[in-house]
C-alpha atoms as a PDB file:
ATOM      1  CA  MET A   1       6.430   2.161   6.779  1.00  0.00           C
ATOM      2  CA  LYS A   2       9.145   0.417   4.481  1.00  0.00           C
ATOM      3  CA  ARG A   3      11.987   2.044   3.470  1.00  0.00           C
ATOM      4  CA  SER A   4      11.332   2.106  -0.005  1.00  0.00           C
ATOM      5  CA  LEU A   5       7.673   3.632   0.109  1.00  0.00           C
ATOM      6  CA  LEU A   6       9.321   6.181   2.231  1.00  0.00           C
ATOM      7  CA  CYS A   7      12.008   7.220  -0.486  1.00  0.00           C
ATOM      8  CA  ARG A   8       9.275   7.277  -2.936  1.00  0.00           C
ATOM      9  CA  VAL A   9       7.116   9.632  -0.938  1.00  0.00           C
ATOM     10  CA  LEU A  10       9.941  11.784  -0.037  1.00  0.00           C
ATOM     11  CA  CYS A  11      11.165  12.039  -3.865  1.00  0.00           C
ATOM     12  CA  CYS A  12       7.539  12.815  -4.733  1.00  0.00           C
ATOM     13  CA  ILE A  13       7.627  15.796  -2.093  1.00  0.00           C
ATOM     14  CA  PHE A  14      10.537  17.129  -3.419  1.00  0.00           C
ATOM     15  CA  LEU A  15       9.298  16.986  -7.059  1.00  0.00           C
ATOM     16  CA  PHE A  16       5.586  18.152  -6.455  1.00  0.00           C
ATOM     17  CA  GLY A  17       5.086  19.513  -2.916  1.00  0.00           C
ATOM     18  CA  PHE A  18       2.237  17.826  -0.570  1.00  0.00           C
ATOM     19  CA  LEU A  19       0.010  18.708   2.184  1.00  0.00           C
ATOM     20  CA  LEU A  20       0.180  16.448   4.951  1.00  0.00           C
ATOM     21  CA  GLY A  21      -3.010  16.168   7.053  1.00  0.00           C
ATOM     22  CA  SER A  22      -5.808  13.915   8.578  1.00  0.00           C
ATOM     23  CA  TYR A  23      -8.415  11.848   6.498  1.00  0.00           C
ATOM     24  CA  ASN A  24     -11.075   9.665   8.423  1.00  0.00           C
ATOM     25  CA  GLY A  25      -8.829   9.990  11.679  1.00  0.00           C
ATOM     26  CA  GLN A  26      -5.486   8.823   9.603  1.00  0.00           C
ATOM     27  CA  LEU A  27      -2.684  10.577   8.597  1.00  0.00           C
ATOM     28  CA  ALA A  28      -2.762  11.308   4.955  1.00  0.00           C
ATOM     29  CA  LEU A  29      -0.828  13.144   2.280  1.00  0.00           C
ATOM     30  CA  TRP A  30      -2.563  15.040  -0.414  1.00  0.00           C
ATOM     31  CA  ARG A  31      -0.841  16.456  -3.891  1.00  0.00           C
ATOM     32  CA  ASP A  32      -1.813  19.451  -5.815  1.00  0.00           C
ATOM     33  CA  ASP A  33      -5.489  20.623  -4.697  1.00  0.00           C
ATOM     34  CA  ALA A  34      -6.988  17.160  -4.791  1.00  0.00           C
ATOM     35  CA  GLN A  35     -10.305  16.469  -2.548  1.00  0.00           C
ATOM     36  CA  LEU A  36      -8.912  12.813  -1.818  1.00  0.00           C
ATOM     37  CA  PRO A  37      -5.523  12.029   0.008  1.00  0.00           C
ATOM     38  CA  TRP A  38      -2.985  10.556  -2.662  1.00  0.00           C
ATOM     39  CA  LYS A  39      -1.948   8.383   0.161  1.00  0.00           C
ATOM     40  CA  VAL A  40      -3.227   7.405   3.605  1.00  0.00           C
ATOM     41  CA  PHE A  41      -1.145   5.832   6.148  1.00  0.00           C
ATOM     42  CA  PRO A  42      -2.312   3.554   9.004  1.00  0.00           C
ATOM     43  CA  TYR A  43      -1.209   6.269  11.828  1.00  0.00           C
ATOM     44  CA  PRO A  44      -4.278   7.153  14.065  1.00  0.00           C
ATOM     45  CA  VAL A  45      -4.080  11.151  14.334  1.00  0.00           C
ATOM     46  CA  ALA A  46      -6.062  10.984  17.819  1.00  0.00           C
ATOM     47  CA  THR A  47      -2.472   9.200  19.318  1.00  0.00           C
ATOM     48  CA  LEU A  48      -0.245  12.166  18.135  1.00  0.00           C
ATOM     49  CA  PRO A  49       0.411  15.174  20.499  1.00  0.00           C
ATOM     50  CA  ALA A  50      -2.382  17.760  20.698  1.00  0.00           C
ATOM     51  CA  ASP A  51      -0.409  20.459  18.614  1.00  0.00           C
ATOM     52  CA  THR A  52       0.399  18.104  15.971  1.00  0.00           C
ATOM     53  CA  GLN A  53      -3.278  17.291  15.691  1.00  0.00           C
ATOM     54  CA  ARG A  54      -4.136  20.978  15.389  1.00  0.00           C
ATOM     55  CA  GLN A  55      -1.445  21.157  12.756  1.00  0.00           C
ATOM     56  CA  LEU A  56      -2.690  18.482  10.748  1.00  0.00           C
ATOM     57  CA  GLN A  57      -6.286  19.786  10.971  1.00  0.00           C
ATOM     58  CA  GLN A  58      -5.192  22.788   9.094  1.00  0.00           C
ATOM     59  CA  GLY A  59      -2.722  20.804   6.931  1.00  0.00           C
ATOM     60  CA  ILE A  60       1.165  21.212   6.774  1.00  0.00           C
ATOM     61  CA  ARG A  61       2.375  22.022   3.472  1.00  0.00           C
ATOM     62  CA  ILE A  62       5.649  20.393   2.512  1.00  0.00           C
ATOM     63  CA  ASP A  63       7.520  22.142  -0.403  1.00  0.00           C
ATOM     64  CA  ASN A  64      11.145  22.522   0.702  1.00  0.00           C
ATOM     65  CA  MET A  65      14.133  20.863   3.081  1.00  0.00           C
ATOM     66  CA  GLU A  66      12.648  22.951   6.177  1.00  0.00           C
ATOM     67  CA  ASP A  67       9.031  21.676   5.697  1.00  0.00           C
ATOM     68  CA  LEU A  68      11.062  18.111   5.336  1.00  0.00           C
ATOM     69  CA  ASN A  69      12.701  18.563   8.467  1.00  0.00           C
ATOM     70  CA  ARG A  70       9.130  19.313  10.125  1.00  0.00           C
ATOM     71  CA  LEU A  71       7.789  16.572   8.695  1.00  0.00           C
ATOM     72  CA  LEU A  72      10.596  13.971  10.048  1.00  0.00           C
ATOM     73  CA  ALA A  73       9.841  15.428  13.616  1.00  0.00           C
ATOM     74  CA  LEU A  74       6.302  14.594  13.329  1.00  0.00           C
ATOM     75  CA  GLY A  75       7.437  11.020  12.055  1.00  0.00           C
ATOM     76  CA  ASN A  76       9.436  10.874  15.345  1.00  0.00           C
ATOM     77  CA  SER A  77       6.379  11.323  17.462  1.00  0.00           C
ATOM     78  CA  ILE A  78       4.473   8.966  15.490  1.00  0.00           C
ATOM     79  CA  ALA A  79       7.467   6.459  15.957  1.00  0.00           C
ATOM     80  CA  ARG A  80       7.119   6.875  19.783  1.00  0.00           C
ATOM     81  CA  ILE A  81       3.544   5.729  19.752  1.00  0.00           C
END
């Protein structure tokens, strides 16, 4: 992901809060209670560790720094793919 896009996504997370999950097998972000994702990333969820896949099925809420740190840890597992 390009750095500028990452910065915009992180800024939106701090302003609005998001739900990180899976959409059609890809990593995706939802805002508010939208039915369709705001952003779908080209990262196949099936390639992530099983524990991360389970978390994404239920959705990972991102509202604060602790949640963001958890997201960044997930990003590190994606980067190892």
